[in-house]
């Protein structure tokens, strides 16, 4: 589980890959859902919000409602997915 800023930096150090997709914000939810589906049909991986595709951590305020909306989107998959959603504090 990626649950610290150091762990996040380690994860994104190599950039996007077959198992890592970086999204600047949850405004890219539709594209992120396609990535989650692809990862679920492949070898798994991570979709990280608040990080640009170039690996710059920009952060994003994420409310409980935002996490609920994302989880609801994933439940619409067939079969439904139950991903691990984690918030990491980013202090700028």
PDB file of N, CA and C in Angstrom:
ATOM      1  N   UNK A   1       0.840  -1.178   0.000  1.00  0.00           N
ATOM      2  CA  UNK A   1       0.000   0.000   0.000  1.00  0.00           C
ATOM      3  C   UNK A   1       0.887   1.244   0.000  1.00  0.00           C
ATOM      4  N   UNK A   2       0.527   2.200  -0.808  1.00  0.00           N
ATOM      5  CA  UNK A   2       1.233   3.475  -0.868  1.00  0.00           C
ATOM      6  C   UNK A   2       0.526   4.411   0.107  1.00  0.00           C
ATOM      7  N   UNK A   3       1.148   4.683   1.263  1.00  0.00           N
ATOM      8  CA  UNK A   3       0.451   5.481   2.272  1.00  0.00           C
ATOM      9  C   UNK A   3       1.286   6.620   2.854  1.00  0.00           C
ATOM     10  N   UNK A   4       2.467   6.862   2.291  1.00  0.00           N
ATOM     11  CA  UNK A   4       3.278   7.990   2.730  1.00  0.00           C
ATOM     12  C   UNK A   4       3.778   8.746   1.508  1.00  0.00           C
ATOM     13  N   UNK A   5       4.171   9.996   1.727  1.00  0.00           N
ATOM     14  CA  UNK A   5       4.687  10.799   0.623  1.00  0.00           C
ATOM     15  C   UNK A   5       5.970  10.190   0.065  1.00  0.00           C
ATOM     16  N   UNK A   6       6.817   9.638   0.936  1.00  0.00           N
ATOM     17  CA  UNK A   6       8.042   8.974   0.467  1.00  0.00           C
ATOM     18  C   UNK A   6       7.716   7.783  -0.419  1.00  0.00           C
ATOM     19  N   UNK A   7       6.729   6.984  -0.020  1.00  0.00           N
ATOM     20  CA  UNK A   7       6.321   5.830  -0.820  1.00  0.00           C
ATOM     21  C   UNK A   7       5.768   6.286  -2.168  1.00  0.00           C
ATOM     22  N   UNK A   8       5.022   7.400  -2.158  1.00  0.00           N
ATOM     23  CA  UNK A   8       4.485   7.943  -3.414  1.00  0.00           C
ATOM     24  C   UNK A   8       5.628   8.358  -4.333  1.00  0.00           C
ATOM     25  N   UNK A   9       6.609   9.075  -3.794  1.00  0.00           N
ATOM     26  CA  UNK A   9       7.746   9.502  -4.614  1.00  0.00           C
ATOM     27  C   UNK A   9       8.492   8.306  -5.195  1.00  0.00           C
ATOM     28  N   UNK A  10       8.635   7.260  -4.412  1.00  0.00           N
ATOM     29  CA  UNK A  10       9.292   6.048  -4.911  1.00  0.00           C
ATOM     30  C   UNK A  10       8.487   5.419  -6.046  1.00  0.00           C
ATOM     31  N   UNK A  11       7.172   5.382  -5.879  1.00  0.00           N
ATOM     32  CA  UNK A  11       6.302   4.784  -6.893  1.00  0.00           C
ATOM     33  C   UNK A  11       6.375   5.542  -8.213  1.00  0.00           C
ATOM     34  N   UNK A  12       6.352   6.869  -8.156  1.00  0.00           N
ATOM     35  CA  UNK A  12       6.278   7.668  -9.391  1.00  0.00           C
ATOM     36  C   UNK A  12       7.646   7.994  -9.983  1.00  0.00           C
ATOM     37  N   UNK A  13       8.714   7.621  -9.303  1.00  0.00           N
ATOM     38  CA  UNK A  13      10.070   7.959  -9.757  1.00  0.00           C
ATOM     39  C   UNK A  13      10.358   7.476 -11.177  1.00  0.00           C
ATOM     40  N   UNK A  14       9.837   6.325 -11.539  1.00  0.00           N
ATOM     41  CA  UNK A  14      10.091   5.775 -12.870  1.00  0.00           C
ATOM     42  C   UNK A  14       9.128   6.263 -13.931  1.00  0.00           C
ATOM     43  N   UNK A  15       8.147   7.065 -13.546  1.00  0.00           N
ATOM     44  CA  UNK A  15       7.164   7.579 -14.500  1.00  0.00           C
ATOM     45  C   UNK A  15       6.084   6.562 -14.819  1.00  0.00           C
ATOM     46  N   UNK A  16       5.221   6.952 -15.736  1.00  0.00           N
ATOM     47  CA  UNK A  16       4.112   6.074 -16.123  1.00  0.00           C
ATOM     48  C   UNK A  16       4.639   4.805 -16.779  1.00  0.00           C
ATOM     49  N   UNK A  17       3.859   3.732 -16.606  1.00  0.00           N
ATOM     50  CA  UNK A  17       4.260   2.433 -17.141  1.00  0.00           C
ATOM     51  C   UNK A  17       3.012   1.589 -17.366  1.00  0.00           C
ATOM     52  N   UNK A  18       3.205   0.323 -17.639  1.00  0.00           N
ATOM     53  CA  UNK A  18       2.075  -0.591 -17.813  1.00  0.00           C
ATOM     54  C   UNK A  18       1.294  -0.783 -16.517  1.00  0.00           C
ATOM     55  N   UNK A  19       1.902  -0.433 -15.378  1.00  0.00           N
ATOM     56  CA  UNK A  19       1.240  -0.616 -14.094  1.00  0.00           C
ATOM     57  C   UNK A  19       1.059   0.682 -13.310  1.00  0.00           C
ATOM     58  N   UNK A  20       1.336   1.829 -13.944  1.00  0.00           N
ATOM     59  CA  UNK A  20       1.200   3.114 -13.257  1.00  0.00           C
ATOM     60  C   UNK A  20       0.656   4.172 -14.208  1.00  0.00           C
ATOM     61  N   UNK A  21      -0.427   4.784 -13.802  1.00  0.00           N
ATOM     62  CA  UNK A  21      -1.052   5.873 -14.568  1.00  0.00           C
ATOM     63  C   UNK A  21      -1.134   7.083 -13.642  1.00  0.00           C
ATOM     64  N   UNK A  22      -0.666   8.225 -14.108  1.00  0.00           N
ATOM     65  CA  UNK A  22      -0.661   9.449 -13.315  1.00  0.00           C
ATOM     66  C   UNK A  22      -1.689  10.426 -13.876  1.00  0.00           C
ATOM     67  N   UNK A  23      -2.516  10.976 -13.000  1.00  0.00           N
ATOM     68  CA  UNK A  23      -3.557  11.934 -13.385  1.00  0.00           C
ATOM     69  C   UNK A  23      -3.407  13.181 -12.524  1.00  0.00           C
ATOM     70  N   UNK A  24      -3.448  14.339 -13.160  1.00  0.00           N
ATOM     71  CA  UNK A  24      -3.285  15.595 -12.439  1.00  0.00           C
ATOM     72  C   UNK A  24      -4.420  15.834 -11.450  1.00  0.00           C
ATOM     73  N   UNK A  25      -5.649  15.446 -11.813  1.00  0.00           N
ATOM     74  CA  UNK A  25      -6.780  15.668 -10.902  1.00  0.00           C
ATOM     75  C   UNK A  25      -7.893  14.669 -11.175  1.00  0.00           C
ATOM     76  N   UNK A  26      -8.852  14.653 -10.261  1.00  0.00           N
ATOM     77  CA  UNK A  26      -9.998  13.766 -10.432  1.00  0.00           C
ATOM     78  C   UNK A  26     -10.921  14.258 -11.539  1.00  0.00           C
ATOM     79  N   UNK A  27     -10.640  15.436 -12.089  1.00  0.00           N
ATOM     80  CA  UNK A  27     -11.394  15.896 -13.264  1.00  0.00           C
ATOM     81  C   UNK A  27     -11.159  14.940 -14.434  1.00  0.00           C
ATOM     82  N   UNK A  28     -10.104  14.159 -14.373  1.00  0.00           N
ATOM     83  CA  UNK A  28      -9.794  13.164 -15.399  1.00  0.00           C
ATOM     84  C   UNK A  28     -10.379  11.798 -15.030  1.00  0.00           C
ATOM     85  N   UNK A  29     -11.480  11.818 -14.299  1.00  0.00           N
ATOM     86  CA  UNK A  29     -12.094  10.589 -13.776  1.00  0.00           C
ATOM     87  C   UNK A  29     -12.421   9.586 -14.878  1.00  0.00           C
ATOM     88  N   UNK A  30     -12.990  10.042 -15.988  1.00  0.00           N
ATOM     89  CA  UNK A  30     -13.362   9.116 -17.059  1.00  0.00           C
ATOM     90  C   UNK A  30     -12.142   8.401 -17.632  1.00  0.00           C
ATOM     91  N   UNK A  31     -11.090   9.151 -17.882  1.00  0.00           N
ATOM     92  CA  UNK A  31      -9.865   8.548 -18.405  1.00  0.00           C
ATOM     93  C   UNK A  31      -9.241   7.629 -17.360  1.00  0.00           C
ATOM     94  N   UNK A  32      -9.330   8.022 -16.090  1.00  0.00           N
ATOM     95  CA  UNK A  32      -8.785   7.192 -15.018  1.00  0.00           C
ATOM     96  C   UNK A  32      -9.543   5.870 -14.928  1.00  0.00           C
ATOM     97  N   UNK A  33     -10.854   5.920 -15.101  1.00  0.00           N
ATOM     98  CA  UNK A  33     -11.657   4.686 -15.058  1.00  0.00           C
ATOM     99  C   UNK A  33     -11.257   3.739 -16.184  1.00  0.00           C
ATOM    100  N   UNK A  34     -10.964   4.271 -17.355  1.00  0.00           N
ATOM    101  CA  UNK A  34     -10.490   3.418 -18.454  1.00  0.00           C
ATOM    102  C   UNK A  34      -9.143   2.792 -18.085  1.00  0.00           C
ATOM    103  N   UNK A  35      -8.294   3.578 -17.419  1.00  0.00           N
ATOM    104  CA  UNK A  35      -6.997   3.051 -16.991  1.00  0.00           C
ATOM    105  C   UNK A  35      -7.167   1.964 -15.941  1.00  0.00           C
ATOM    106  N   UNK A  36      -8.068   2.180 -14.987  1.00  0.00           N
ATOM    107  CA  UNK A  36      -8.320   1.179 -13.950  1.00  0.00           C
ATOM    108  C   UNK A  36      -8.802  -0.117 -14.594  1.00  0.00           C
ATOM    109  N   UNK A  37      -9.684  -0.005 -15.571  1.00  0.00           N
ATOM    110  CA  UNK A  37     -10.194  -1.184 -16.266  1.00  0.00           C
ATOM    111  C   UNK A  37      -9.049  -1.923 -16.966  1.00  0.00           C
ATOM    112  N   UNK A  38      -8.182  -1.179 -17.635  1.00  0.00           N
ATOM    113  CA  UNK A  38      -7.042  -1.798 -18.319  1.00  0.00           C
ATOM    114  C   UNK A  38      -6.110  -2.473 -17.323  1.00  0.00           C
ATOM    115  N   UNK A  39      -5.846  -1.817 -16.196  1.00  0.00           N
ATOM    116  CA  UNK A  39      -4.981  -2.410 -15.184  1.00  0.00           C
ATOM    117  C   UNK A  39      -5.605  -3.683 -14.606  1.00  0.00           C
ATOM    118  N   UNK A  40      -6.925  -3.642 -14.387  1.00  0.00           N
ATOM    119  CA  UNK A  40      -7.624  -4.810 -13.832  1.00  0.00           C
ATOM    120  C   UNK A  40      -7.579  -5.988 -14.805  1.00  0.00           C
ATOM    121  N   UNK A  41      -7.582  -5.701 -16.094  1.00  0.00           N
ATOM    122  CA  UNK A  41      -7.520  -6.763 -17.100  1.00  0.00           C
ATOM    123  C   UNK A  41      -6.089  -7.191 -17.396  1.00  0.00           C
ATOM    124  N   UNK A  42      -5.126  -6.489 -16.826  1.00  0.00           N
ATOM    125  CA  UNK A  42      -3.719  -6.816 -17.022  1.00  0.00           C
ATOM    126  C   UNK A  42      -3.118  -7.354 -15.741  1.00  0.00           C
ATOM    127  N   UNK A  43      -1.987  -6.777 -15.380  1.00  0.00           N
ATOM    128  CA  UNK A  43      -1.274  -7.266 -14.197  1.00  0.00           C
ATOM    129  C   UNK A  43      -1.499  -6.411 -12.961  1.00  0.00           C
ATOM    130  N   UNK A  44      -2.493  -5.533 -12.998  1.00  0.00           N
ATOM    131  CA  UNK A  44      -2.775  -4.667 -11.852  1.00  0.00           C
ATOM    132  C   UNK A  44      -1.886  -3.442 -11.869  1.00  0.00           C
ATOM    133  N   UNK A  45      -2.031  -2.604 -10.858  1.00  0.00           N
ATOM    134  CA  UNK A  45      -1.195  -1.417 -10.791  1.00  0.00           C
ATOM    135  C   UNK A  45      -1.866  -0.304 -10.015  1.00  0.00           C
ATOM    136  N   UNK A  46      -1.433   0.916 -10.303  1.00  0.00           N
ATOM    137  CA  UNK A  46      -1.895   2.093  -9.575  1.00  0.00           C
ATOM    138  C   UNK A  46      -2.311   3.201 -10.531  1.00  0.00           C
ATOM    139  N   UNK A  47      -3.389   3.902 -10.159  1.00  0.00           N
ATOM    140  CA  UNK A  47      -3.762   5.166 -10.791  1.00  0.00           C
ATOM    141  C   UNK A  47      -3.632   6.193  -9.680  1.00  0.00           C
ATOM    142  N   UNK A  48      -2.794   7.201  -9.912  1.00  0.00           N
ATOM    143  CA  UNK A  48      -2.501   8.197  -8.884  1.00  0.00           C
ATOM    144  C   UNK A  48      -3.011   9.559  -9.338  1.00  0.00           C
ATOM    145  N   UNK A  49      -3.860  10.165  -8.522  1.00  0.00           N
ATOM    146  CA  UNK A  49      -4.356  11.512  -8.788  1.00  0.00           C
ATOM    147  C   UNK A  49      -3.483  12.515  -8.040  1.00  0.00           C
ATOM    148  N   UNK A  50      -3.365  13.723  -8.596  1.00  0.00           N
ATOM    149  CA  UNK A  50      -2.579  14.775  -7.953  1.00  0.00           C
ATOM    150  C   UNK A  50      -1.126  14.772  -8.377  1.00  0.00           C
ATOM    151  N   UNK A  51      -0.827  14.014  -9.448  1.00  0.00           N
ATOM    152  CA  UNK A  51       0.527  13.947  -9.988  1.00  0.00           C
ATOM    153  C   UNK A  51       0.426  14.098 -11.502  1.00  0.00           C
ATOM    154  N   UNK A  52       1.207  15.013 -12.061  1.00  0.00           N
ATOM    155  CA  UNK A  52       1.167  15.213 -13.510  1.00  0.00           C
ATOM    156  C   UNK A  52       1.818  14.028 -14.219  1.00  0.00           C
ATOM    157  N   UNK A  53       1.537  13.838 -15.505  1.00  0.00           N
ATOM    158  CA  UNK A  53       2.161  12.739 -16.249  1.00  0.00           C
ATOM    159  C   UNK A  53       3.692  12.808 -16.269  1.00  0.00           C
ATOM    160  N   UNK A  54       4.254  13.987 -15.986  1.00  0.00           N
ATOM    161  CA  UNK A  54       5.707  14.109 -15.930  1.00  0.00           C
ATOM    162  C   UNK A  54       6.254  13.768 -14.551  1.00  0.00           C
ATOM    163  N   UNK A  55       5.371  13.456 -13.582  1.00  0.00           N
ATOM    164  CA  UNK A  55       5.798  13.040 -12.259  1.00  0.00           C
ATOM    165  C   UNK A  55       5.855  14.141 -11.218  1.00  0.00           C
ATOM    166  N   UNK A  56       5.352  15.322 -11.545  1.00  0.00           N
ATOM    167  CA  UNK A  56       5.348  16.419 -10.578  1.00  0.00           C
ATOM    168  C   UNK A  56       4.142  16.264  -9.643  1.00  0.00           C
ATOM    169  N   UNK A  57       4.397  16.210  -8.338  1.00  0.00           N
ATOM    170  CA  UNK A  57       3.323  16.096  -7.349  1.00  0.00           C
ATOM    171  C   UNK A  57       2.710  17.481  -7.170  1.00  0.00           C
ATOM    172  N   UNK A  58       1.449  17.625  -7.593  1.00  0.00           N
ATOM    173  CA  UNK A  58       0.752  18.906  -7.467  1.00  0.00           C
ATOM    174  C   UNK A  58      -0.312  18.850  -6.384  1.00  0.00           C
ATOM    175  N   UNK A  59      -0.686  17.654  -5.989  1.00  0.00           N
ATOM    176  CA  UNK A  59      -1.693  17.487  -4.952  1.00  0.00           C
ATOM    177  C   UNK A  59      -3.080  17.866  -5.429  1.00  0.00           C
ATOM    178  N   UNK A  60      -4.050  17.567  -4.601  1.00  0.00           N
ATOM    179  CA  UNK A  60      -5.439  17.889  -4.880  1.00  0.00           C
ATOM    180  C   UNK A  60      -6.231  17.671  -3.613  1.00  0.00           C
ATOM    181  N   UNK A  61      -7.167  18.582  -3.337  1.00  0.00           N
ATOM    182  CA  UNK A  61      -8.065  18.351  -2.215  1.00  0.00           C
ATOM    183  C   UNK A  61      -9.023  17.244  -2.612  1.00  0.00           C
ATOM    184  N   UNK A  62      -9.091  16.216  -1.789  1.00  0.00           N
ATOM    185  CA  UNK A  62      -9.971  15.087  -2.070  1.00  0.00           C
ATOM    186  C   UNK A  62     -10.904  14.911  -0.879  1.00  0.00           C
ATOM    187  N   UNK A  63     -12.174  15.110  -1.130  1.00  0.00           N
ATOM    188  CA  UNK A  63     -13.173  14.972  -0.082  1.00  0.00           C
ATOM    189  C   UNK A  63     -13.655  13.524  -0.007  1.00  0.00           C
ATOM    190  N   UNK A  64     -14.350  13.210   1.070  1.00  0.00           N
ATOM    191  CA  UNK A  64     -14.963  11.884   1.179  1.00  0.00           C
ATOM    192  C   UNK A  64     -15.911  11.660   0.011  1.00  0.00           C
ATOM    193  N   UNK A  65     -16.617  12.696  -0.387  1.00  0.00           N
ATOM    194  CA  UNK A  65     -17.571  12.593  -1.502  1.00  0.00           C
ATOM    195  C   UNK A  65     -16.852  12.206  -2.795  1.00  0.00           C
ATOM    196  N   UNK A  66     -15.687  12.801  -3.039  1.00  0.00           N
ATOM    197  CA  UNK A  66     -14.909  12.464  -4.237  1.00  0.00           C
ATOM    198  C   UNK A  66     -14.536  10.988  -4.228  1.00  0.00           C
ATOM    199  N   UNK A  67     -14.076  10.492  -3.080  1.00  0.00           N
ATOM    200  CA  UNK A  67     -13.728   9.071  -2.980  1.00  0.00           C
ATOM    201  C   UNK A  67     -14.947   8.179  -3.178  1.00  0.00           C
ATOM    202  N   UNK A  68     -16.091   8.598  -2.644  1.00  0.00           N
ATOM    203  CA  UNK A  68     -17.326   7.835  -2.834  1.00  0.00           C
ATOM    204  C   UNK A  68     -17.711   7.783  -4.309  1.00  0.00           C
ATOM    205  N   UNK A  69     -17.571   8.907  -5.008  1.00  0.00           N
ATOM    206  CA  UNK A  69     -17.906   8.943  -6.436  1.00  0.00           C
ATOM    207  C   UNK A  69     -16.992   8.031  -7.233  1.00  0.00           C
ATOM    208  N   UNK A  70     -15.710   8.043  -6.915  1.00  0.00           N
ATOM    209  CA  UNK A  70     -14.779   7.150  -7.609  1.00  0.00           C
ATOM    210  C   UNK A  70     -15.117   5.691  -7.335  1.00  0.00           C
ATOM    211  N   UNK A  71     -15.356   5.363  -6.075  1.00  0.00           N
ATOM    212  CA  UNK A  71     -15.700   3.986  -5.722  1.00  0.00           C
ATOM    213  C   UNK A  71     -16.973   3.543  -6.436  1.00  0.00           C
ATOM    214  N   UNK A  72     -17.937   4.453  -6.561  1.00  0.00           N
ATOM    215  CA  UNK A  72     -19.185   4.138  -7.253  1.00  0.00           C
ATOM    216  C   UNK A  72     -18.929   3.856  -8.730  1.00  0.00           C
ATOM    217  N   UNK A  73     -18.052   4.619  -9.338  1.00  0.00           N
ATOM    218  CA  UNK A  73     -17.693   4.374 -10.745  1.00  0.00           C
ATOM    219  C   UNK A  73     -17.109   2.974 -10.903  1.00  0.00           C
ATOM    220  N   UNK A  74     -16.223   2.593  -9.982  1.00  0.00           N
ATOM    221  CA  UNK A  74     -15.580   1.285 -10.085  1.00  0.00           C
ATOM    222  C   UNK A  74     -16.577   0.154  -9.881  1.00  0.00           C
ATOM    223  N   UNK A  75     -17.620   0.380  -9.103  1.00  0.00           N
ATOM    224  CA  UNK A  75     -18.647  -0.637  -8.894  1.00  0.00           C
ATOM    225  C   UNK A  75     -19.445  -0.898 -10.172  1.00  0.00           C
ATOM    226  N   UNK A  76     -19.407   0.062 -11.102  1.00  0.00           N
ATOM    227  CA  UNK A  76     -20.112  -0.105 -12.368  1.00  0.00           C
ATOM    228  C   UNK A  76     -19.403  -1.049 -13.322  1.00  0.00           C
ATOM    229  N   UNK A  77     -18.187  -1.452 -13.012  1.00  0.00           N
ATOM    230  CA  UNK A  77     -17.453  -2.381 -13.861  1.00  0.00           C
ATOM    231  C   UNK A  77     -18.060  -3.768 -13.713  1.00  0.00           C
ATOM    232  N   UNK A  78     -17.854  -4.596 -14.718  1.00  0.00           N
ATOM    233  CA  UNK A  78     -18.352  -5.969 -14.676  1.00  0.00           C
ATOM    234  C   UNK A  78     -17.190  -6.922 -14.849  1.00  0.00           C
ATOM    235  N   UNK A  79     -16.782  -7.663 -13.878  1.00  0.00           N
ATOM    236  CA  UNK A  79     -17.333  -7.676 -12.528  1.00  0.00           C
ATOM    237  C   UNK A  79     -16.906  -6.421 -11.773  1.00  0.00           C
ATOM    238  N   UNK A  80     -17.653  -6.055 -10.733  1.00  0.00           N
ATOM    239  CA  UNK A  80     -17.326  -4.848  -9.970  1.00  0.00           C
ATOM    240  C   UNK A  80     -15.927  -4.935  -9.357  1.00  0.00           C
ATOM    241  N   UNK A  81     -15.243  -3.794  -9.313  1.00  0.00           N
ATOM    242  CA  UNK A  81     -13.921  -3.721  -8.697  1.00  0.00           C
ATOM    243  C   UNK A  81     -14.027  -3.086  -7.317  1.00  0.00           C
ATOM    244  N   UNK A  82     -13.170  -3.513  -6.445  1.00  0.00           N
ATOM    245  CA  UNK A  82     -13.092  -2.908  -5.115  1.00  0.00           C
ATOM    246  C   UNK A  82     -11.637  -2.489  -4.906  1.00  0.00           C
ATOM    247  N   UNK A  83     -11.255  -1.349  -5.509  1.00  0.00           N
ATOM    248  CA  UNK A  83      -9.860  -0.917  -5.382  1.00  0.00           C
ATOM    249  C   UNK A  83      -9.570  -0.331  -4.008  1.00  0.00           C
ATOM    250  N   UNK A  84      -8.315  -0.256  -3.681  1.00  0.00           N
ATOM    251  CA  UNK A  84      -7.868   0.376  -2.442  1.00  0.00           C
ATOM    252  C   UNK A  84      -7.683   1.869  -2.740  1.00  0.00           C
ATOM    253  N   UNK A  85      -8.479   2.707  -2.107  1.00  0.00           N
ATOM    254  CA  UNK A  85      -8.366   4.148  -2.286  1.00  0.00           C
ATOM    255  C   UNK A  85      -7.667   4.728  -1.066  1.00  0.00           C
ATOM    256  N   UNK A  86      -6.601   5.471  -1.298  1.00  0.00           N
ATOM    257  CA  UNK A  86      -5.805   6.026  -0.192  1.00  0.00           C
ATOM    258  C   UNK A  86      -5.537   7.500  -0.440  1.00  0.00           C
ATOM    259  N   UNK A  87      -5.652   8.295   0.622  1.00  0.00           N
ATOM    260  CA  UNK A  87      -5.282   9.715   0.566  1.00  0.00           C
ATOM    261  C   UNK A  87      -3.914   9.873   1.227  1.00  0.00           C
ATOM    262  N   UNK A  88      -3.051  10.662   0.600  1.00  0.00           N
ATOM    263  CA  UNK A  88      -1.737  10.963   1.160  1.00  0.00           C
ATOM    264  C   UNK A  88      -1.632  12.465   1.320  1.00  0.00           C
ATOM    265  N   UNK A  89      -1.294  12.911   2.501  1.00  0.00           N
ATOM    266  CA  UNK A  89      -1.159  14.352   2.750  1.00  0.00           C
ATOM    267  C   UNK A  89       0.058  14.889   2.022  1.00  0.00           C
ATOM    268  N   UNK A  90      -0.162  15.942   1.242  1.00  0.00           N
ATOM    269  CA  UNK A  90       0.908  16.611   0.517  1.00  0.00           C
ATOM    270  C   UNK A  90       0.935  18.049   1.010  1.00  0.00           C
ATOM    271  N   UNK A  91       1.992  18.420   1.681  1.00  0.00           N
ATOM    272  CA  UNK A  91       2.114  19.786   2.208  1.00  0.00           C
ATOM    273  C   UNK A  91       3.089  20.537   1.324  1.00  0.00           C
ATOM    274  N   UNK A  92       2.593  21.642   0.740  1.00  0.00           N
ATOM    275  CA  UNK A  92       3.415  22.390  -0.199  1.00  0.00           C
ATOM    276  C   UNK A  92       4.040  23.490   0.433  1.00  0.00           C
TER     277      UNK A  92
END
